[in-house]
PDB file of N, CA and C in Angstrom:
ATOM      1  N   UNK A   1     -41.509 -30.411  -5.160  1.00  0.00           N
ATOM      2  CA  UNK A   1     -40.296 -30.774  -5.829  1.00  0.00           C
ATOM      3  C   UNK A   1     -39.696 -29.041  -5.270  1.00  0.00           C
ATOM      4  N   UNK A   2     -38.520 -29.530  -4.884  1.00  0.00           N
ATOM      5  CA  UNK A   2     -37.419 -28.361  -4.536  1.00  0.00           C
ATOM      6  C   UNK A   2     -37.202 -28.253  -5.423  1.00  0.00           C
ATOM      7  N   UNK A   3     -36.183 -26.649  -5.386  1.00  0.00           N
ATOM      8  CA  UNK A   3     -35.519 -26.201  -6.893  1.00  0.00           C
ATOM      9  C   UNK A   3     -34.176 -27.012  -7.297  1.00  0.00           C
ATOM     10  N   UNK A   4     -33.795 -27.653  -6.568  1.00  0.00           N
ATOM     11  CA  UNK A   4     -32.982 -28.840  -6.509  1.00  0.00           C
ATOM     12  C   UNK A   4     -33.017 -30.186  -7.430  1.00  0.00           C
ATOM     13  N   UNK A   5     -32.713 -30.130  -8.546  1.00  0.00           N
ATOM     14  CA  UNK A   5     -33.206 -30.906  -9.412  1.00  0.00           C
ATOM     15  C   UNK A   5     -32.236 -32.382  -8.944  1.00  0.00           C
ATOM     16  N   UNK A   6     -32.794 -33.381  -8.111  1.00  0.00           N
ATOM     17  CA  UNK A   6     -32.323 -34.732  -7.939  1.00  0.00           C
ATOM     18  C   UNK A   6     -31.862 -35.603  -9.044  1.00  0.00           C
ATOM     19  N   UNK A   7     -32.613 -35.572  -9.999  1.00  0.00           N
ATOM     20  CA  UNK A   7     -32.063 -36.056 -11.144  1.00  0.00           C
ATOM     21  C   UNK A   7     -33.056 -37.431 -10.655  1.00  0.00           C
ATOM     22  N   UNK A   8     -33.370 -38.649 -12.033  1.00  0.00           N
ATOM     23  CA  UNK A   8     -34.130 -39.679 -11.437  1.00  0.00           C
ATOM     24  C   UNK A   8     -33.513 -40.869 -10.653  1.00  0.00           C
ATOM     25  N   UNK A   9     -34.769 -41.390 -10.301  1.00  0.00           N
ATOM     26  CA  UNK A   9     -34.559 -41.994  -9.021  1.00  0.00           C
ATOM     27  C   UNK A   9     -35.365 -43.319  -9.300  1.00  0.00           C
ATOM     28  N   UNK A  10     -34.513 -44.338  -8.833  1.00  0.00           N
ATOM     29  CA  UNK A  10     -35.177 -45.800  -8.909  1.00  0.00           C
ATOM     30  C   UNK A  10     -36.453 -46.448  -8.616  1.00  0.00           C
ATOM     31  N   UNK A  11     -37.223 -46.767  -9.794  1.00  0.00           N
ATOM     32  CA  UNK A  11     -38.399 -47.286  -9.378  1.00  0.00           C
ATOM     33  C   UNK A  11     -38.270 -48.765  -9.079  1.00  0.00           C
ATOM     34  N   UNK A  12     -37.898 -49.334 -10.127  1.00  0.00           N
ATOM     35  CA  UNK A  12     -38.306 -50.811 -10.243  1.00  0.00           C
ATOM     36  C   UNK A  12     -37.534 -50.995 -11.124  1.00  0.00           C
ATOM     37  N   UNK A  13     -36.739 -52.522 -10.008  1.00  0.00           N
ATOM     38  CA  UNK A  13     -35.783 -53.426 -11.318  1.00  0.00           C
ATOM     39  C   UNK A  13     -36.234 -54.872 -11.548  1.00  0.00           C
ATOM     40  N   UNK A  14     -36.040 -55.206 -12.789  1.00  0.00           N
ATOM     41  CA  UNK A  14     -36.686 -56.889 -13.145  1.00  0.00           C
ATOM     42  C   UNK A  14     -35.371 -57.251 -13.722  1.00  0.00           C
ATOM     43  N   UNK A  15     -34.964 -58.424 -13.884  1.00  0.00           N
ATOM     44  CA  UNK A  15     -34.240 -58.953 -14.796  1.00  0.00           C
ATOM     45  C   UNK A  15     -34.434 -59.237 -16.162  1.00  0.00           C
ATOM     46  N   UNK A  16     -34.136 -59.516 -17.020  1.00  0.00           N
ATOM     47  CA  UNK A  16     -34.614 -59.538 -18.492  1.00  0.00           C
ATOM     48  C   UNK A  16     -33.615 -60.431 -19.050  1.00  0.00           C
ATOM     49  N   UNK A  17     -34.143 -60.441 -20.283  1.00  0.00           N
ATOM     50  CA  UNK A  17     -33.022 -61.359 -21.974  1.00  0.00           C
ATOM     51  C   UNK A  17     -32.363 -59.989 -22.367  1.00  0.00           C
ATOM     52  N   UNK A  18     -31.295 -60.211 -22.756  1.00  0.00           N
ATOM     53  CA  UNK A  18     -30.435 -59.393 -23.533  1.00  0.00           C
ATOM     54  C   UNK A  18     -30.346 -59.486 -24.771  1.00  0.00           C
ATOM     55  N   UNK A  19     -29.878 -58.897 -25.777  1.00  0.00           N
ATOM     56  CA  UNK A  19     -30.139 -59.044 -26.893  1.00  0.00           C
ATOM     57  C   UNK A  19     -28.815 -60.260 -26.865  1.00  0.00           C
ATOM     58  N   UNK A  20     -28.050 -60.650 -26.406  1.00  0.00           N
ATOM     59  CA  UNK A  20     -27.045 -62.001 -26.269  1.00  0.00           C
ATOM     60  C   UNK A  20     -27.571 -63.046 -26.291  1.00  0.00           C
ATOM     61  N   UNK A  21     -28.512 -63.144 -25.323  1.00  0.00           N
ATOM     62  CA  UNK A  21     -28.825 -64.186 -24.617  1.00  0.00           C
ATOM     63  C   UNK A  21     -28.659 -63.902 -23.057  1.00  0.00           C
ATOM     64  N   UNK A  22     -27.934 -62.885 -22.819  1.00  0.00           N
ATOM     65  CA  UNK A  22     -27.700 -62.898 -21.560  1.00  0.00           C
ATOM     66  C   UNK A  22     -28.312 -61.633 -20.602  1.00  0.00           C
ATOM     67  N   UNK A  23     -28.875 -61.971 -19.430  1.00  0.00           N
ATOM     68  CA  UNK A  23     -29.055 -61.362 -18.466  1.00  0.00           C
ATOM     69  C   UNK A  23     -28.779 -60.034 -18.910  1.00  0.00           C
ATOM     70  N   UNK A  24     -30.049 -59.393 -18.520  1.00  0.00           N
ATOM     71  CA  UNK A  24     -29.527 -57.549 -17.993  1.00  0.00           C
ATOM     72  C   UNK A  24     -30.854 -57.518 -17.062  1.00  0.00           C
ATOM     73  N   UNK A  25     -29.988 -56.008 -16.519  1.00  0.00           N
ATOM     74  CA  UNK A  25     -30.635 -55.642 -15.284  1.00  0.00           C
ATOM     75  C   UNK A  25     -31.952 -54.187 -16.142  1.00  0.00           C
ATOM     76  N   UNK A  26     -33.346 -54.275 -16.016  1.00  0.00           N
ATOM     77  CA  UNK A  26     -33.972 -53.490 -16.848  1.00  0.00           C
ATOM     78  C   UNK A  26     -34.047 -52.727 -15.490  1.00  0.00           C
ATOM     79  N   UNK A  27     -34.167 -51.546 -15.533  1.00  0.00           N
ATOM     80  CA  UNK A  27     -34.574 -50.449 -14.645  1.00  0.00           C
ATOM     81  C   UNK A  27     -35.286 -49.957 -14.892  1.00  0.00           C
ATOM     82  N   UNK A  28     -35.992 -49.165 -14.582  1.00  0.00           N
ATOM     83  CA  UNK A  28     -37.030 -48.131 -14.142  1.00  0.00           C
ATOM     84  C   UNK A  28     -37.163 -47.081 -13.515  1.00  0.00           C
ATOM     85  N   UNK A  29     -36.740 -45.557 -14.303  1.00  0.00           N
ATOM     86  CA  UNK A  29     -36.251 -44.714 -13.749  1.00  0.00           C
ATOM     87  C   UNK A  29     -37.496 -43.793 -13.410  1.00  0.00           C
ATOM     88  N   UNK A  30     -37.835 -42.914 -12.316  1.00  0.00           N
ATOM     89  CA  UNK A  30     -38.957 -42.189 -12.514  1.00  0.00           C
ATOM     90  C   UNK A  30     -37.974 -40.607 -12.796  1.00  0.00           C
ATOM     91  N   UNK A  31     -38.408 -39.671 -13.817  1.00  0.00           N
ATOM     92  CA  UNK A  31     -37.992 -38.660 -13.429  1.00  0.00           C
ATOM     93  C   UNK A  31     -38.467 -37.214 -12.480  1.00  0.00           C
ATOM     94  N   UNK A  32     -37.641 -36.492 -12.117  1.00  0.00           N
ATOM     95  CA  UNK A  32     -38.478 -35.495 -11.096  1.00  0.00           C
ATOM     96  C   UNK A  32     -39.476 -34.322 -11.624  1.00  0.00           C
ATOM     97  N   UNK A  33     -39.991 -34.636 -13.227  1.00  0.00           N
ATOM     98  CA  UNK A  33     -40.763 -34.185 -13.705  1.00  0.00           C
ATOM     99  C   UNK A  33     -41.748 -34.618 -13.837  1.00  0.00           C
ATOM    100  N   UNK A  34     -41.931 -35.925 -13.553  1.00  0.00           N
ATOM    101  CA  UNK A  34     -42.543 -37.162 -13.507  1.00  0.00           C
ATOM    102  C   UNK A  34     -42.488 -38.245 -14.891  1.00  0.00           C
ATOM    103  N   UNK A  35     -41.746 -37.632 -15.638  1.00  0.00           N
ATOM    104  CA  UNK A  35     -41.557 -38.561 -16.806  1.00  0.00           C
ATOM    105  C   UNK A  35     -40.811 -40.065 -16.070  1.00  0.00           C
ATOM    106  N   UNK A  36     -41.260 -41.105 -17.471  1.00  0.00           N
ATOM    107  CA  UNK A  36     -40.159 -42.391 -16.683  1.00  0.00           C
ATOM    108  C   UNK A  36     -39.844 -42.824 -17.908  1.00  0.00           C
ATOM    109  N   UNK A  37     -38.942 -43.581 -17.520  1.00  0.00           N
ATOM    110  CA  UNK A  37     -37.877 -43.862 -18.658  1.00  0.00           C
ATOM    111  C   UNK A  37     -37.175 -45.377 -17.697  1.00  0.00           C
ATOM    112  N   UNK A  38     -36.641 -46.484 -19.117  1.00  0.00           N
ATOM    113  CA  UNK A  38     -35.973 -47.311 -18.514  1.00  0.00           C
ATOM    114  C   UNK A  38     -34.887 -47.710 -19.232  1.00  0.00           C
ATOM    115  N   UNK A  39     -33.498 -48.166 -18.621  1.00  0.00           N
ATOM    116  CA  UNK A  39     -32.347 -47.968 -18.606  1.00  0.00           C
ATOM    117  C   UNK A  39     -31.568 -49.703 -19.372  1.00  0.00           C
ATOM    118  N   UNK A  40     -30.866 -50.288 -19.571  1.00  0.00           N
ATOM    119  CA  UNK A  40     -30.870 -52.064 -19.192  1.00  0.00           C
ATOM    120  C   UNK A  40     -29.173 -51.675 -19.186  1.00  0.00           C
ATOM    121  N   UNK A  41     -28.825 -52.509 -17.723  1.00  0.00           N
ATOM    122  CA  UNK A  41     -27.590 -52.767 -17.874  1.00  0.00           C
ATOM    123  C   UNK A  41     -27.330 -54.465 -17.701  1.00  0.00           C
ATOM    124  N   UNK A  42     -25.829 -54.476 -18.536  1.00  0.00           N
ATOM    125  CA  UNK A  42     -25.498 -55.801 -18.634  1.00  0.00           C
ATOM    126  C   UNK A  42     -24.889 -56.480 -17.707  1.00  0.00           C
ATOM    127  N   UNK A  43     -25.056 -57.672 -17.869  1.00  0.00           N
ATOM    128  CA  UNK A  43     -24.439 -58.451 -16.247  1.00  0.00           C
ATOM    129  C   UNK A  43     -22.899 -58.238 -16.291  1.00  0.00           C
ATOM    130  N   UNK A  44     -22.186 -56.812 -16.670  1.00  0.00           N
ATOM    131  CA  UNK A  44     -21.095 -56.586 -16.115  1.00  0.00           C
ATOM    132  C   UNK A  44     -20.887 -55.890 -15.576  1.00  0.00           C
ATOM    133  N   UNK A  45     -21.611 -54.483 -16.266  1.00  0.00           N
ATOM    134  CA  UNK A  45     -22.215 -53.460 -15.312  1.00  0.00           C
ATOM    135  C   UNK A  45     -22.806 -53.698 -13.831  1.00  0.00           C
ATOM    136  N   UNK A  46     -23.863 -54.714 -13.815  1.00  0.00           N
ATOM    137  CA  UNK A  46     -24.420 -55.376 -12.517  1.00  0.00           C
ATOM    138  C   UNK A  46     -23.463 -56.017 -11.571  1.00  0.00           C
ATOM    139  N   UNK A  47     -22.530 -56.617 -12.158  1.00  0.00           N
ATOM    140  CA  UNK A  47     -21.251 -57.137 -11.626  1.00  0.00           C
ATOM    141  C   UNK A  47     -20.181 -55.854 -10.640  1.00  0.00           C
ATOM    142  N   UNK A  48     -20.399 -55.252 -11.409  1.00  0.00           N
ATOM    143  CA  UNK A  48     -19.490 -53.645 -10.460  1.00  0.00           C
ATOM    144  C   UNK A  48     -20.135 -52.942  -9.642  1.00  0.00           C
ATOM    145  N   UNK A  49     -21.644 -52.776  -9.901  1.00  0.00           N
ATOM    146  CA  UNK A  49     -22.152 -52.539  -9.257  1.00  0.00           C
ATOM    147  C   UNK A  49     -22.873 -53.039  -7.543  1.00  0.00           C
ATOM    148  N   UNK A  50     -22.579 -54.258  -7.544  1.00  0.00           N
ATOM    149  CA  UNK A  50     -22.802 -55.490  -6.652  1.00  0.00           C
ATOM    150  C   UNK A  50     -21.070 -55.328  -6.136  1.00  0.00           C
ATOM    151  N   UNK A  51     -20.504 -55.828  -6.785  1.00  0.00           N
ATOM    152  CA  UNK A  51     -18.811 -55.432  -6.483  1.00  0.00           C
ATOM    153  C   UNK A  51     -18.406 -54.272  -5.446  1.00  0.00           C
ATOM    154  N   UNK A  52     -19.197 -53.286  -5.605  1.00  0.00           N
ATOM    155  CA  UNK A  52     -18.818 -51.663  -4.891  1.00  0.00           C
ATOM    156  C   UNK A  52     -19.177 -51.985  -4.018  1.00  0.00           C
ATOM    157  N   UNK A  53     -20.051 -52.643  -3.047  1.00  0.00           N
ATOM    158  CA  UNK A  53     -20.523 -52.829  -1.703  1.00  0.00           C
ATOM    159  C   UNK A  53     -21.825 -51.335  -1.994  1.00  0.00           C
ATOM    160  N   UNK A  54     -22.346 -50.896  -2.663  1.00  0.00           N
ATOM    161  CA  UNK A  54     -23.099 -49.956  -2.695  1.00  0.00           C
ATOM    162  C   UNK A  54     -24.642 -50.325  -2.190  1.00  0.00           C
ATOM    163  N   UNK A  55     -24.537 -51.825  -2.982  1.00  0.00           N
ATOM    164  CA  UNK A  55     -26.022 -52.520  -3.005  1.00  0.00           C
ATOM    165  C   UNK A  55     -25.809 -54.033  -2.950  1.00  0.00           C
ATOM    166  N   UNK A  56     -26.263 -54.477  -1.761  1.00  0.00           N
ATOM    167  CA  UNK A  56     -26.162 -56.136  -1.568  1.00  0.00           C
ATOM    168  C   UNK A  56     -27.241 -56.869  -2.670  1.00  0.00           C
ATOM    169  N   UNK A  57     -28.255 -56.194  -3.159  1.00  0.00           N
ATOM    170  CA  UNK A  57     -29.224 -57.289  -3.526  1.00  0.00           C
ATOM    171  C   UNK A  57     -29.881 -56.241  -4.023  1.00  0.00           C
ATOM    172  N   UNK A  58     -30.623 -56.886  -5.117  1.00  0.00           N
ATOM    173  CA  UNK A  58     -31.629 -55.657  -6.148  1.00  0.00           C
ATOM    174  C   UNK A  58     -32.659 -55.667  -5.414  1.00  0.00           C
ATOM    175  N   UNK A  59     -32.995 -55.458  -4.399  1.00  0.00           N
ATOM    176  CA  UNK A  59     -33.560 -55.022  -3.567  1.00  0.00           C
ATOM    177  C   UNK A  59     -33.397 -53.666  -3.074  1.00  0.00           C
ATOM    178  N   UNK A  60     -32.354 -53.569  -2.845  1.00  0.00           N
ATOM    179  CA  UNK A  60     -31.720 -52.604  -2.438  1.00  0.00           C
ATOM    180  C   UNK A  60     -31.524 -51.063  -2.978  1.00  0.00           C
ATOM    181  N   UNK A  61     -31.839 -51.538  -4.708  1.00  0.00           N
ATOM    182  CA  UNK A  61     -31.878 -50.237  -6.289  1.00  0.00           C
ATOM    183  C   UNK A  61     -33.331 -49.259  -5.766  1.00  0.00           C
ATOM    184  N   UNK A  62     -34.781 -49.996  -5.477  1.00  0.00           N
ATOM    185  CA  UNK A  62     -35.935 -49.046  -5.638  1.00  0.00           C
ATOM    186  C   UNK A  62     -35.773 -48.258  -4.593  1.00  0.00           C
ATOM    187  N   UNK A  63     -35.550 -46.127  -5.077  1.00  0.00           N
ATOM    188  CA  UNK A  63     -35.873 -45.839  -3.485  1.00  0.00           C
ATOM    189  C   UNK A  63     -34.518 -44.744  -4.176  1.00  0.00           C
ATOM    190  N   UNK A  64     -33.620 -45.632  -4.861  1.00  0.00           N
ATOM    191  CA  UNK A  64     -32.620 -45.137  -4.966  1.00  0.00           C
ATOM    192  C   UNK A  64     -31.860 -44.032  -5.881  1.00  0.00           C
ATOM    193  N   UNK A  65     -31.364 -42.886  -5.685  1.00  0.00           N
ATOM    194  CA  UNK A  65     -31.239 -41.955  -6.719  1.00  0.00           C
ATOM    195  C   UNK A  65     -30.201 -42.392  -7.852  1.00  0.00           C
ATOM    196  N   UNK A  66     -30.651 -42.537  -9.189  1.00  0.00           N
ATOM    197  CA  UNK A  66     -30.008 -42.879 -10.428  1.00  0.00           C
ATOM    198  C   UNK A  66     -28.041 -42.613 -10.296  1.00  0.00           C
ATOM    199  N   UNK A  67     -28.588 -40.795  -9.823  1.00  0.00           N
ATOM    200  CA  UNK A  67     -26.521 -40.497  -9.896  1.00  0.00           C
ATOM    201  C   UNK A  67     -25.668 -41.198  -8.329  1.00  0.00           C
ATOM    202  N   UNK A  68     -26.610 -41.485  -7.528  1.00  0.00           N
ATOM    203  CA  UNK A  68     -25.698 -42.337  -7.040  1.00  0.00           C
ATOM    204  C   UNK A  68     -25.121 -43.888  -7.041  1.00  0.00           C
ATOM    205  N   UNK A  69     -26.141 -44.327  -7.621  1.00  0.00           N
ATOM    206  CA  UNK A  69     -25.537 -46.015  -8.203  1.00  0.00           C
ATOM    207  C   UNK A  69     -24.155 -45.688  -9.469  1.00  0.00           C
ATOM    208  N   UNK A  70     -24.493 -44.447 -10.537  1.00  0.00           N
ATOM    209  CA  UNK A  70     -23.269 -44.614 -11.448  1.00  0.00           C
ATOM    210  C   UNK A  70     -22.013 -44.035 -11.670  1.00  0.00           C
ATOM    211  N   UNK A  71     -22.465 -43.300 -10.245  1.00  0.00           N
ATOM    212  CA  UNK A  71     -20.710 -42.590 -10.034  1.00  0.00           C
ATOM    213  C   UNK A  71     -19.883 -43.874  -8.928  1.00  0.00           C
ATOM    214  N   UNK A  72     -20.507 -45.709  -9.138  1.00  0.00           N
ATOM    215  CA  UNK A  72     -19.530 -45.999  -8.985  1.00  0.00           C
ATOM    216  C   UNK A  72     -19.310 -47.325  -9.323  1.00  0.00           C
ATOM    217  N   UNK A  73     -19.223 -46.914 -10.911  1.00  0.00           N
ATOM    218  CA  UNK A  73     -19.020 -47.922 -12.019  1.00  0.00           C
ATOM    219  C   UNK A  73     -18.431 -46.719 -12.687  1.00  0.00           C
ATOM    220  N   UNK A  74     -17.868 -47.359 -13.901  1.00  0.00           N
ATOM    221  CA  UNK A  74     -16.755 -46.657 -14.809  1.00  0.00           C
ATOM    222  C   UNK A  74     -18.128 -45.480 -15.031  1.00  0.00           C
TER     223      UNK A  74
END
């Protein structure tokens, strides 16, 4: 790894149930130090991400830097 911290990278995505019964996108992240974590995005955030044109399918997410995706939404 280089001296520059590039932040977490998306490893995988799945669709799962949210606490309110609506679908959520569950994103598995791999951090530069090797740790992993997950984050859930609600339908609205997923809609904004897809509408931004940065990705056109969930298949476009693995391998992308998380920071590149979060700058496209609110």
